[in-house]
Amino acid sequence: QKEMYGAQPPVELLRMIVDRCDGFVDTGGVYRRPSLEYNTYEDVHIVAAGGIPGGGRSQLSTRFSRHFGLFSLESPSEGVMLRIFATFFSTFMPRIGHSQNMQQIGNQ
């Protein structure tokens, strides 16, 4: 939830960590509250996924999103989804020991 000035504390914390590990600031860490213990972060890799803003999701700030390569994908068609899940049920389920009933779902 956004604060009065538009900041989102969880996103701002991630932004501070990425800023400091991305070479923009040399400190490499943040202070933990309330103990003021200094925590350093090295070799941080963040992979994230999100949806279109709305329904409880907010637009990411440009200060945060500038660190990432952003791309979007269209929703797959019904045929593509059926193929994905059919392959999952027919090949992966036998490997983890599920019954024949679960495996047969992939053949339908």
PDB file of N, CA and C in Angstrom:
ATOM      1  N   GLN A   1       0.838  -1.173   0.000  1.00  0.00           N
ATOM      2  CA  GLN A   1       0.000   0.000   0.000  1.00  0.00           C
ATOM      3  C   GLN A   1       0.887   1.242   0.000  1.00  0.00           C
ATOM      4  N   LYS A   2       0.515   2.218  -0.810  1.00  0.00           N
ATOM      5  CA  LYS A   2       1.330   3.418  -0.935  1.00  0.00           C
ATOM      6  C   LYS A   2       1.167   4.312   0.291  1.00  0.00           C
ATOM      7  N   GLU A   3       2.264   4.983   0.636  1.00  0.00           N
ATOM      8  CA  GLU A   3       2.229   5.967   1.714  1.00  0.00           C
ATOM      9  C   GLU A   3       1.711   7.296   1.182  1.00  0.00           C
ATOM     10  N   MET A   4       1.665   8.290   2.043  1.00  0.00           N
ATOM     11  CA  MET A   4       1.124   9.601   1.682  1.00  0.00           C
ATOM     12  C   MET A   4       1.851  10.209   0.480  1.00  0.00           C
ATOM     13  N   TYR A   5       3.169  10.004   0.369  1.00  0.00           N
ATOM     14  CA  TYR A   5       3.945  10.605  -0.718  1.00  0.00           C
ATOM     15  C   TYR A   5       4.165   9.647  -1.885  1.00  0.00           C
ATOM     16  N   GLY A   6       3.464   8.507  -1.882  1.00  0.00           N
ATOM     17  CA  GLY A   6       3.542   7.577  -2.998  1.00  0.00           C
ATOM     18  C   GLY A   6       4.570   6.474  -2.858  1.00  0.00           C
ATOM     19  N   ALA A   7       5.320   6.450  -1.763  1.00  0.00           N
ATOM     20  CA  ALA A   7       6.334   5.410  -1.570  1.00  0.00           C
ATOM     21  C   ALA A   7       5.666   4.100  -1.156  1.00  0.00           C
ATOM     22  N   GLN A   8       6.270   2.991  -1.536  1.00  0.00           N
ATOM     23  CA  GLN A   8       5.826   1.668  -1.132  1.00  0.00           C
ATOM     24  C   GLN A   8       6.980   1.033  -0.366  1.00  0.00           C
ATOM     25  N   PRO A   9       6.911   0.969   0.971  1.00  0.00           N
ATOM     26  CA  PRO A   9       8.059   0.523   1.770  1.00  0.00           C
ATOM     27  C   PRO A   9       8.698  -0.791   1.335  1.00  0.00           C
ATOM     28  N   PRO A  10       7.958  -1.870   1.013  1.00  0.00           N
ATOM     29  CA  PRO A  10       8.654  -3.098   0.585  1.00  0.00           C
ATOM     30  C   PRO A  10       9.431  -2.901  -0.716  1.00  0.00           C
ATOM     31  N   VAL A  11       8.870  -2.154  -1.645  1.00  0.00           N
ATOM     32  CA  VAL A  11       9.549  -1.908  -2.917  1.00  0.00           C
ATOM     33  C   VAL A  11      10.753  -1.003  -2.697  1.00  0.00           C
ATOM     34  N   GLU A  12      10.624  -0.031  -1.824  1.00  0.00           N
ATOM     35  CA  GLU A  12      11.745   0.873  -1.536  1.00  0.00           C
ATOM     36  C   GLU A  12      12.904   0.128  -0.866  1.00  0.00           C
ATOM     37  N   LEU A  13      12.605  -0.849  -0.014  1.00  0.00           N
ATOM     38  CA  LEU A  13      13.667  -1.644   0.596  1.00  0.00           C
ATOM     39  C   LEU A  13      14.405  -2.442  -0.477  1.00  0.00           C
ATOM     40  N   LEU A  14      13.671  -3.074  -1.377  1.00  0.00           N
ATOM     41  CA  LEU A  14      14.312  -3.800  -2.482  1.00  0.00           C
ATOM     42  C   LEU A  14      15.126  -2.852  -3.353  1.00  0.00           C
ATOM     43  N   ARG A  15      14.597  -1.675  -3.619  1.00  0.00           N
ATOM     44  CA  ARG A  15      15.305  -0.693  -4.445  1.00  0.00           C
ATOM     45  C   ARG A  15      16.618  -0.290  -3.790  1.00  0.00           C
ATOM     46  N   MET A  16      16.597  -0.077  -2.475  1.00  0.00           N
ATOM     47  CA  MET A  16      17.826   0.306  -1.772  1.00  0.00           C
ATOM     48  C   MET A  16      18.876  -0.795  -1.878  1.00  0.00           C
ATOM     49  N   ILE A  17      18.453  -2.044  -1.735  1.00  0.00           N
ATOM     50  CA  ILE A  17      19.395  -3.161  -1.824  1.00  0.00           C
ATOM     51  C   ILE A  17      19.950  -3.261  -3.234  1.00  0.00           C
ATOM     52  N   VAL A  18      19.083  -3.159  -4.242  1.00  0.00           N
ATOM     53  CA  VAL A  18      19.534  -3.258  -5.627  1.00  0.00           C
ATOM     54  C   VAL A  18      20.433  -2.082  -5.969  1.00  0.00           C
ATOM     55  N   ASP A  19      20.071  -0.877  -5.539  1.00  0.00           N
ATOM     56  CA  ASP A  19      20.911   0.301  -5.784  1.00  0.00           C
ATOM     57  C   ASP A  19      22.314   0.085  -5.251  1.00  0.00           C
ATOM     58  N   ARG A  20      22.413  -0.417  -4.051  1.00  0.00           N
ATOM     59  CA  ARG A  20      23.707  -0.544  -3.397  1.00  0.00           C
ATOM     60  C   ARG A  20      24.527  -1.705  -3.956  1.00  0.00           C
ATOM     61  N   CYS A  21      23.869  -2.715  -4.490  1.00  0.00           N
ATOM     62  CA  CYS A  21      24.597  -3.865  -5.043  1.00  0.00           C
ATOM     63  C   CYS A  21      24.831  -3.723  -6.532  1.00  0.00           C
ATOM     64  N   ASP A  22      24.245  -2.707  -7.120  1.00  0.00           N
ATOM     65  CA  ASP A  22      24.318  -2.539  -8.559  1.00  0.00           C
ATOM     66  C   ASP A  22      25.409  -1.553  -8.970  1.00  0.00           C
ATOM     67  N   GLY A  23      26.195  -1.093  -8.001  1.00  0.00           N
ATOM     68  CA  GLY A  23      27.288  -0.194  -8.314  1.00  0.00           C
ATOM     69  C   GLY A  23      26.918   1.281  -8.277  1.00  0.00           C
ATOM     70  N   PHE A  24      25.666   1.603  -7.969  1.00  0.00           N
ATOM     71  CA  PHE A  24      25.277   3.006  -7.904  1.00  0.00           C
ATOM     72  C   PHE A  24      25.780   3.667  -6.627  1.00  0.00           C
ATOM     73  N   VAL A  25      25.815   2.907  -5.542  1.00  0.00           N
ATOM     74  CA  VAL A  25      26.301   3.410  -4.259  1.00  0.00           C
ATOM     75  C   VAL A  25      27.308   2.377  -3.751  1.00  0.00           C
ATOM     76  N   ASP A  26      28.402   2.829  -3.166  1.00  0.00           N
ATOM     77  CA  ASP A  26      29.479   1.922  -2.766  1.00  0.00           C
ATOM     78  C   ASP A  26      29.273   1.225  -1.431  1.00  0.00           C
ATOM     79  N   THR A  27      28.184   1.501  -0.736  1.00  0.00           N
ATOM     80  CA  THR A  27      28.048   0.965   0.610  1.00  0.00           C
ATOM     81  C   THR A  27      27.759  -0.518   0.644  1.00  0.00           C
ATOM     82  N   GLY A  28      26.934  -1.048  -0.256  1.00  0.00           N
ATOM     83  CA  GLY A  28      26.681  -2.480  -0.319  1.00  0.00           C
ATOM     84  C   GLY A  28      25.808  -3.031   0.779  1.00  0.00           C
ATOM     85  N   GLY A  29      25.027  -2.210   1.444  1.00  0.00           N
ATOM     86  CA  GLY A  29      24.170  -2.733   2.494  1.00  0.00           C
ATOM     87  C   GLY A  29      23.180  -1.699   3.003  1.00  0.00           C
ATOM     88  N   VAL A  30      22.416  -2.132   4.009  1.00  0.00           N
ATOM     89  CA  VAL A  30      21.427  -1.257   4.642  1.00  0.00           C
ATOM     90  C   VAL A  30      21.482  -1.477   6.147  1.00  0.00           C
ATOM     91  N   TYR A  31      20.967  -0.504   6.899  1.00  0.00           N
ATOM     92  CA  TYR A  31      20.884  -0.619   8.347  1.00  0.00           C
ATOM     93  C   TYR A  31      19.565  -1.282   8.729  1.00  0.00           C
ATOM     94  N   ARG A  32      19.633  -2.196   9.688  1.00  0.00           N
ATOM     95  CA  ARG A  32      18.440  -2.870  10.197  1.00  0.00           C
ATOM     96  C   ARG A  32      17.884  -2.060  11.367  1.00  0.00           C
ATOM     97  N   ARG A  33      16.584  -1.882  11.361  1.00  0.00           N
ATOM     98  CA  ARG A  33      15.956  -1.155  12.460  1.00  0.00           C
ATOM     99  C   ARG A  33      15.357  -2.141  13.435  1.00  0.00           C
ATOM    100  N   PRO A  34      15.208  -1.917  14.696  1.00  0.00           N
ATOM    101  CA  PRO A  34      15.634  -0.740  15.451  1.00  0.00           C
ATOM    102  C   PRO A  34      17.052  -0.851  15.997  1.00  0.00           C
ATOM    103  N   SER A  35      17.729  -1.989  15.755  1.00  0.00           N
ATOM    104  CA  SER A  35      19.057  -2.194  16.342  1.00  0.00           C
ATOM    105  C   SER A  35      20.155  -1.406  15.642  1.00  0.00           C
ATOM    106  N   LEU A  36      19.891  -0.882  14.441  1.00  0.00           N
ATOM    107  CA  LEU A  36      20.860  -0.153  13.624  1.00  0.00           C
ATOM    108  C   LEU A  36      22.080  -1.004  13.280  1.00  0.00           C
ATOM    109  N   GLU A  37      21.863  -2.311  13.218  1.00  0.00           N
ATOM    110  CA  GLU A  37      22.916  -3.231  12.785  1.00  0.00           C
ATOM    111  C   GLU A  37      23.037  -3.111  11.263  1.00  0.00           C
ATOM    112  N   TYR A  38      24.286  -3.058  10.773  1.00  0.00           N
ATOM    113  CA  TYR A  38      24.520  -2.883   9.341  1.00  0.00           C
ATOM    114  C   TYR A  38      24.601  -4.237   8.654  1.00  0.00           C
ATOM    115  N   ASN A  39      23.790  -4.455   7.634  1.00  0.00           N
ATOM    116  CA  ASN A  39      23.777  -5.702   6.869  1.00  0.00           C
ATOM    117  C   ASN A  39      24.300  -5.438   5.475  1.00  0.00           C
ATOM    118  N   THR A  40      25.257  -6.237   5.054  1.00  0.00           N
ATOM    119  CA  THR A  40      25.788  -6.081   3.701  1.00  0.00           C
ATOM    120  C   THR A  40      25.217  -7.165   2.798  1.00  0.00           C
ATOM    121  N   TYR A  41      25.091  -6.835   1.521  1.00  0.00           N
ATOM    122  CA  TYR A  41      24.573  -7.756   0.512  1.00  0.00           C
ATOM    123  C   TYR A  41      25.548  -7.777  -0.647  1.00  0.00           C
ATOM    124  N   GLU A  42      25.892  -8.980  -1.087  1.00  0.00           N
ATOM    125  CA  GLU A  42      26.807  -9.128  -2.215  1.00  0.00           C
ATOM    126  C   GLU A  42      26.203 -10.097  -3.228  1.00  0.00           C
ATOM    127  N   ASP A  43      26.479  -9.857  -4.491  1.00  0.00           N
ATOM    128  CA  ASP A  43      26.032 -10.737  -5.576  1.00  0.00           C
ATOM    129  C   ASP A  43      24.540 -11.032  -5.508  1.00  0.00           C
ATOM    130  N   VAL A  44      23.746 -10.005  -5.412  1.00  0.00           N
ATOM    131  CA  VAL A  44      22.296 -10.150  -5.337  1.00  0.00           C
ATOM    132  C   VAL A  44      21.720 -10.245  -6.747  1.00  0.00           C
ATOM    133  N   HIS A  45      20.892 -11.247  -6.974  1.00  0.00           N
ATOM    134  CA  HIS A  45      20.183 -11.407  -8.241  1.00  0.00           C
ATOM    135  C   HIS A  45      18.704 -11.467  -7.929  1.00  0.00           C
ATOM    136  N   ILE A  46      17.931 -10.630  -8.563  1.00  0.00           N
ATOM    137  CA  ILE A  46      16.494 -10.608  -8.330  1.00  0.00           C
ATOM    138  C   ILE A  46      15.791 -10.939  -9.633  1.00  0.00           C
ATOM    139  N   VAL A  47      14.927 -11.941  -9.571  1.00  0.00           N
ATOM    140  CA  VAL A  47      14.065 -12.300 -10.690  1.00  0.00           C
ATOM    141  C   VAL A  47      12.645 -12.147 -10.171  1.00  0.00           C
ATOM    142  N   ALA A  48      11.846 -11.405 -10.888  1.00  0.00           N
ATOM    143  CA  ALA A  48      10.494 -11.132 -10.403  1.00  0.00           C
ATOM    144  C   ALA A  48       9.487 -11.248 -11.534  1.00  0.00           C
ATOM    145  N   ALA A  49       8.255 -11.437 -11.144  1.00  0.00           N
ATOM    146  CA  ALA A  49       7.147 -11.466 -12.096  1.00  0.00           C
ATOM    147  C   ALA A  49       6.019 -10.649 -11.499  1.00  0.00           C
ATOM    148  N   GLY A  50       5.222 -10.076 -12.340  1.00  0.00           N
ATOM    149  CA  GLY A  50       4.114  -9.272 -11.843  1.00  0.00           C
ATOM    150  C   GLY A  50       3.002  -9.200 -12.856  1.00  0.00           C
ATOM    151  N   GLY A  51       1.953  -8.568 -12.445  1.00  0.00           N
ATOM    152  CA  GLY A  51       0.803  -8.406 -13.311  1.00  0.00           C
ATOM    153  C   GLY A  51       0.534  -6.946 -13.596  1.00  0.00           C
ATOM    154  N   ILE A  52      -0.461  -6.729 -14.391  1.00  0.00           N
ATOM    155  CA  ILE A  52      -0.872  -5.373 -14.742  1.00  0.00           C
ATOM    156  C   ILE A  52      -1.407  -4.690 -13.487  1.00  0.00           C
ATOM    157  N   PRO A  53      -1.042  -3.424 -13.258  1.00  0.00           N
ATOM    158  CA  PRO A  53      -1.556  -2.724 -12.073  1.00  0.00           C
ATOM    159  C   PRO A  53      -3.079  -2.727 -12.031  1.00  0.00           C
ATOM    160  N   GLY A  54      -3.587  -2.918 -10.848  1.00  0.00           N
ATOM    161  CA  GLY A  54      -5.030  -2.963 -10.634  1.00  0.00           C
ATOM    162  C   GLY A  54      -5.365  -4.159  -9.763  1.00  0.00           C
ATOM    163  N   GLY A  55      -6.455  -4.087  -9.044  1.00  0.00           N
ATOM    164  CA  GLY A  55      -6.854  -5.198  -8.185  1.00  0.00           C
ATOM    165  C   GLY A  55      -5.880  -5.443  -7.053  1.00  0.00           C
ATOM    166  N   GLY A  56      -5.326  -4.390  -6.478  1.00  0.00           N
ATOM    167  CA  GLY A  56      -4.373  -4.527  -5.383  1.00  0.00           C
ATOM    168  C   GLY A  56      -2.926  -4.436  -5.815  1.00  0.00           C
ATOM    169  N   ARG A  57      -2.652  -4.476  -7.118  1.00  0.00           N
ATOM    170  CA  ARG A  57      -1.280  -4.342  -7.613  1.00  0.00           C
ATOM    171  C   ARG A  57      -1.047  -2.891  -8.018  1.00  0.00           C
ATOM    172  N   SER A  58       0.107  -2.379  -7.658  1.00  0.00           N
ATOM    173  CA  SER A  58       0.436  -0.991  -7.961  1.00  0.00           C
ATOM    174  C   SER A  58       1.514  -0.902  -9.020  1.00  0.00           C
ATOM    175  N   GLN A  59       1.574   0.225  -9.671  1.00  0.00           N
ATOM    176  CA  GLN A  59       2.624   0.500 -10.655  1.00  0.00           C
ATOM    177  C   GLN A  59       3.964   0.584  -9.934  1.00  0.00           C
ATOM    178  N   LEU A  60       4.996  -0.051 -10.489  1.00  0.00           N
ATOM    179  CA  LEU A  60       6.334   0.048  -9.901  1.00  0.00           C
ATOM    180  C   LEU A  60       6.941   1.400 -10.254  1.00  0.00           C
ATOM    181  N   SER A  61       7.687   1.937  -9.321  1.00  0.00           N
ATOM    182  CA  SER A  61       8.319   3.225  -9.577  1.00  0.00           C
ATOM    183  C   SER A  61       9.446   3.066 -10.593  1.00  0.00           C
ATOM    184  N   THR A  62       9.724   4.136 -11.324  1.00  0.00           N
ATOM    185  CA  THR A  62      10.830   4.091 -12.291  1.00  0.00           C
ATOM    186  C   THR A  62      12.169   3.992 -11.576  1.00  0.00           C
ATOM    187  N   ARG A  63      12.250   4.487 -10.339  1.00  0.00           N
ATOM    188  CA  ARG A  63      13.488   4.363  -9.558  1.00  0.00           C
ATOM    189  C   ARG A  63      13.824   2.899  -9.312  1.00  0.00           C
ATOM    190  N   PHE A  64      12.806   2.053  -9.191  1.00  0.00           N
ATOM    191  CA  PHE A  64      13.021   0.631  -8.954  1.00  0.00           C
ATOM    192  C   PHE A  64      13.158  -0.130 -10.277  1.00  0.00           C
ATOM    193  N   SER A  65      12.283   0.128 -11.215  1.00  0.00           N
ATOM    194  CA  SER A  65      12.255  -0.663 -12.451  1.00  0.00           C
ATOM    195  C   SER A  65      13.422  -0.361 -13.389  1.00  0.00           C
ATOM    196  N   ARG A  66      14.162   0.722 -13.148  1.00  0.00           N
ATOM    197  CA  ARG A  66      15.300   1.042 -14.022  1.00  0.00           C
ATOM    198  C   ARG A  66      16.405  -0.002 -13.952  1.00  0.00           C
ATOM    199  N   HIS A  67      16.413  -0.819 -12.903  1.00  0.00           N
ATOM    200  CA  HIS A  67      17.459  -1.817 -12.712  1.00  0.00           C
ATOM    201  C   HIS A  67      17.191  -3.116 -13.463  1.00  0.00           C
ATOM    202  N   PHE A  68      16.026  -3.240 -14.077  1.00  0.00           N
ATOM    203  CA  PHE A  68      15.610  -4.515 -14.647  1.00  0.00           C
ATOM    204  C   PHE A  68      15.338  -4.399 -16.132  1.00  0.00           C
ATOM    205  N   GLY A  69      15.522  -5.489 -16.830  1.00  0.00           N
ATOM    206  CA  GLY A  69      15.073  -5.595 -18.205  1.00  0.00           C
ATOM    207  C   GLY A  69      13.635  -6.072 -18.174  1.00  0.00           C
ATOM    208  N   LEU A  70      12.714  -5.233 -18.577  1.00  0.00           N
ATOM    209  CA  LEU A  70      11.300  -5.567 -18.490  1.00  0.00           C
ATOM    210  C   LEU A  70      10.788  -6.050 -19.844  1.00  0.00           C
ATOM    211  N   PHE A  71       9.973  -7.071 -19.814  1.00  0.00           N
ATOM    212  CA  PHE A  71       9.299  -7.531 -21.031  1.00  0.00           C
ATOM    213  C   PHE A  71       7.952  -8.107 -20.627  1.00  0.00           C
ATOM    214  N   SER A  72       7.058  -8.177 -21.573  1.00  0.00           N
ATOM    215  CA  SER A  72       5.737  -8.711 -21.283  1.00  0.00           C
ATOM    216  C   SER A  72       5.378  -9.788 -22.292  1.00  0.00           C
ATOM    217  N   LEU A  73       4.532 -10.686 -21.868  1.00  0.00           N
ATOM    218  CA  LEU A  73       4.088 -11.791 -22.696  1.00  0.00           C
ATOM    219  C   LEU A  73       2.566 -11.799 -22.737  1.00  0.00           C
ATOM    220  N   GLU A  74       2.026 -12.184 -23.859  1.00  0.00           N
ATOM    221  CA  GLU A  74       0.583 -12.353 -23.945  1.00  0.00           C
ATOM    222  C   GLU A  74       0.199 -13.658 -23.268  1.00  0.00           C
ATOM    223  N   SER A  75      -1.037 -13.747 -22.845  1.00  0.00           N
ATOM    224  CA  SER A  75      -1.533 -14.986 -22.258  1.00  0.00           C
ATOM    225  C   SER A  75      -1.568 -16.063 -23.338  1.00  0.00           C
ATOM    226  N   PRO A  76      -1.139 -17.286 -23.001  1.00  0.00           N
ATOM    227  CA  PRO A  76      -1.159 -18.350 -24.007  1.00  0.00           C
ATOM    228  C   PRO A  76      -2.587 -18.751 -24.360  1.00  0.00           C
ATOM    229  N   SER A  77      -2.747 -19.285 -25.560  1.00  0.00           N
ATOM    230  CA  SER A  77      -4.068 -19.724 -26.006  1.00  0.00           C
ATOM    231  C   SER A  77      -4.463 -20.992 -25.251  1.00  0.00           C
ATOM    232  N   GLU A  78      -5.710 -21.368 -25.384  1.00  0.00           N
ATOM    233  CA  GLU A  78      -6.202 -22.566 -24.696  1.00  0.00           C
ATOM    234  C   GLU A  78      -5.473 -23.813 -25.193  1.00  0.00           C
ATOM    235  N   GLY A  79      -5.204 -23.877 -26.502  1.00  0.00           N
ATOM    236  CA  GLY A  79      -4.484 -25.020 -27.056  1.00  0.00           C
ATOM    237  C   GLY A  79      -3.087 -25.158 -26.488  1.00  0.00           C
ATOM    238  N   VAL A  80      -2.398 -24.031 -26.321  1.00  0.00           N
ATOM    239  CA  VAL A  80      -1.045 -24.048 -25.741  1.00  0.00           C
ATOM    240  C   VAL A  80      -1.106 -24.500 -24.289  1.00  0.00           C
ATOM    241  N   MET A  81      -2.076 -23.994 -23.529  1.00  0.00           N
ATOM    242  CA  MET A  81      -2.215 -24.399 -22.123  1.00  0.00           C
ATOM    243  C   MET A  81      -2.513 -25.893 -22.008  1.00  0.00           C
ATOM    244  N   LEU A  82      -3.370 -26.406 -22.894  1.00  0.00           N
ATOM    245  CA  LEU A  82      -3.672 -27.841 -22.865  1.00  0.00           C
ATOM    246  C   LEU A  82      -2.423 -28.664 -23.144  1.00  0.00           C
ATOM    247  N   ARG A  83      -1.608 -28.232 -24.081  1.00  0.00           N
ATOM    248  CA  ARG A  83      -0.381 -28.965 -24.395  1.00  0.00           C
ATOM    249  C   ARG A  83       0.603 -28.938 -23.230  1.00  0.00           C
ATOM    250  N   ILE A  84       0.742 -27.778 -22.596  1.00  0.00           N
ATOM    251  CA  ILE A  84       1.648 -27.658 -21.442  1.00  0.00           C
ATOM    252  C   ILE A  84       1.233 -28.623 -20.341  1.00  0.00           C
ATOM    253  N   PHE A  85      -0.056 -28.595 -19.965  1.00  0.00           N
ATOM    254  CA  PHE A  85      -0.496 -29.435 -18.855  1.00  0.00           C
ATOM    255  C   PHE A  85      -0.584 -30.908 -19.243  1.00  0.00           C
ATOM    256  N   ALA A  86      -0.897 -31.213 -20.492  1.00  0.00           N
ATOM    257  CA  ALA A  86      -0.898 -32.612 -20.934  1.00  0.00           C
ATOM    258  C   ALA A  86       0.508 -33.188 -20.848  1.00  0.00           C
ATOM    259  N   THR A  87       1.496 -32.421 -21.270  1.00  0.00           N
ATOM    260  CA  THR A  87       2.886 -32.868 -21.183  1.00  0.00           C
ATOM    261  C   THR A  87       3.296 -33.054 -19.731  1.00  0.00           C
ATOM    262  N   PHE A  88       2.882 -32.126 -18.882  1.00  0.00           N
ATOM    263  CA  PHE A  88       3.200 -32.215 -17.453  1.00  0.00           C
ATOM    264  C   PHE A  88       2.625 -33.491 -16.857  1.00  0.00           C
ATOM    265  N   PHE A  89       1.329 -33.729 -17.105  1.00  0.00           N
ATOM    266  CA  PHE A  89       0.690 -34.892 -16.493  1.00  0.00           C
ATOM    267  C   PHE A  89       1.193 -36.209 -17.071  1.00  0.00           C
ATOM    268  N   SER A  90       1.523 -36.244 -18.353  1.00  0.00           N
ATOM    269  CA  SER A  90       1.936 -37.518 -18.942  1.00  0.00           C
ATOM    270  C   SER A  90       3.412 -37.846 -18.735  1.00  0.00           C
ATOM    271  N   THR A  91       4.271 -36.861 -18.510  1.00  0.00           N
ATOM    272  CA  THR A  91       5.702 -37.157 -18.346  1.00  0.00           C
ATOM    273  C   THR A  91       6.207 -36.952 -16.925  1.00  0.00           C
ATOM    274  N   PHE A  92       5.781 -35.906 -16.257  1.00  0.00           N
ATOM    275  CA  PHE A  92       6.336 -35.611 -14.935  1.00  0.00           C
ATOM    276  C   PHE A  92       5.669 -36.433 -13.842  1.00  0.00           C
ATOM    277  N   MET A  93       4.357 -36.628 -13.926  1.00  0.00           N
ATOM    278  CA  MET A  93       3.643 -37.346 -12.873  1.00  0.00           C
ATOM    279  C   MET A  93       4.151 -38.770 -12.655  1.00  0.00           C
ATOM    280  N   PRO A  94       4.453 -39.537 -13.724  1.00  0.00           N
ATOM    281  CA  PRO A  94       4.999 -40.884 -13.471  1.00  0.00           C
ATOM    282  C   PRO A  94       6.346 -40.853 -12.749  1.00  0.00           C
ATOM    283  N   ARG A  95       7.136 -39.849 -12.994  1.00  0.00           N
ATOM    284  CA  ARG A  95       8.460 -39.764 -12.362  1.00  0.00           C
ATOM    285  C   ARG A  95       8.379 -39.564 -10.861  1.00  0.00           C
ATOM    286  N   ILE A  96       7.328 -38.893 -10.404  1.00  0.00           N
ATOM    287  CA  ILE A  96       7.230 -38.657  -8.966  1.00  0.00           C
ATOM    288  C   ILE A  96       6.276 -39.648  -8.299  1.00  0.00           C
ATOM    289  N   GLY A  97       5.845 -40.664  -9.066  1.00  0.00           N
ATOM    290  CA  GLY A  97       5.113 -41.773  -8.469  1.00  0.00           C
ATOM    291  C   GLY A  97       3.619 -41.582  -8.318  1.00  0.00           C
ATOM    292  N   HIS A  98       3.001 -40.743  -9.101  1.00  0.00           N
ATOM    293  CA  HIS A  98       1.550 -40.600  -9.005  1.00  0.00           C
ATOM    294  C   HIS A  98       0.860 -41.742  -9.737  1.00  0.00           C
ATOM    295  N   SER A  99      -0.384 -41.961  -9.400  1.00  0.00           N
ATOM    296  CA  SER A  99      -1.145 -43.093  -9.932  1.00  0.00           C
ATOM    297  C   SER A  99      -1.421 -42.949 -11.429  1.00  0.00           C
ATOM    298  N   GLN A 100      -1.885 -44.048 -12.004  1.00  0.00           N
ATOM    299  CA  GLN A 100      -2.237 -44.086 -13.423  1.00  0.00           C
ATOM    300  C   GLN A 100      -3.342 -43.079 -13.746  1.00  0.00           C
ATOM    301  N   ASN A 101      -4.252 -42.838 -12.804  1.00  0.00           N
ATOM    302  CA  ASN A 101      -5.341 -41.889 -13.055  1.00  0.00           C
ATOM    303  C   ASN A 101      -4.785 -40.499 -13.365  1.00  0.00           C
ATOM    304  N   MET A 102      -3.774 -40.108 -12.641  1.00  0.00           N
ATOM    305  CA  MET A 102      -3.170 -38.794 -12.876  1.00  0.00           C
ATOM    306  C   MET A 102      -2.433 -38.774 -14.208  1.00  0.00           C
ATOM    307  N   GLN A 103      -1.791 -39.863 -14.556  1.00  0.00           N
ATOM    308  CA  GLN A 103      -1.046 -39.925 -15.812  1.00  0.00           C
ATOM    309  C   GLN A 103      -1.984 -39.907 -17.008  1.00  0.00           C
ATOM    310  N   GLN A 104      -3.170 -40.491 -16.864  1.00  0.00           N
ATOM    311  CA  GLN A 104      -4.114 -40.564 -17.967  1.00  0.00           C
ATOM    312  C   GLN A 104      -4.740 -39.211 -18.280  1.00  0.00           C
ATOM    313  N   ILE A 105      -4.720 -38.292 -17.343  1.00  0.00           N
ATOM    314  CA  ILE A 105      -5.252 -36.956 -17.598  1.00  0.00           C
ATOM    315  C   ILE A 105      -4.497 -36.313 -18.758  1.00  0.00           C
ATOM    316  N   GLY A 106      -3.201 -36.568 -18.853  1.00  0.00           N
ATOM    317  CA  GLY A 106      -2.396 -36.014 -19.927  1.00  0.00           C
ATOM    318  C   GLY A 106      -2.711 -36.583 -21.295  1.00  0.00           C
ATOM    319  N   ASN A 107      -3.317 -37.744 -21.346  1.00  0.00           N
ATOM    320  CA  ASN A 107      -3.636 -38.366 -22.626  1.00  0.00           C
ATOM    321  C   ASN A 107      -5.009 -37.969 -23.169  1.00  0.00           C
ATOM    322  N   GLN A 108      -5.760 -37.199 -22.410  1.00  0.00           N
ATOM    323  CA  GLN A 108      -7.111 -36.826 -22.844  1.00  0.00           C
ATOM    324  C   GLN A 108      -7.092 -35.672 -23.795  1.00  0.00           C
TER     325      GLN A 108
END
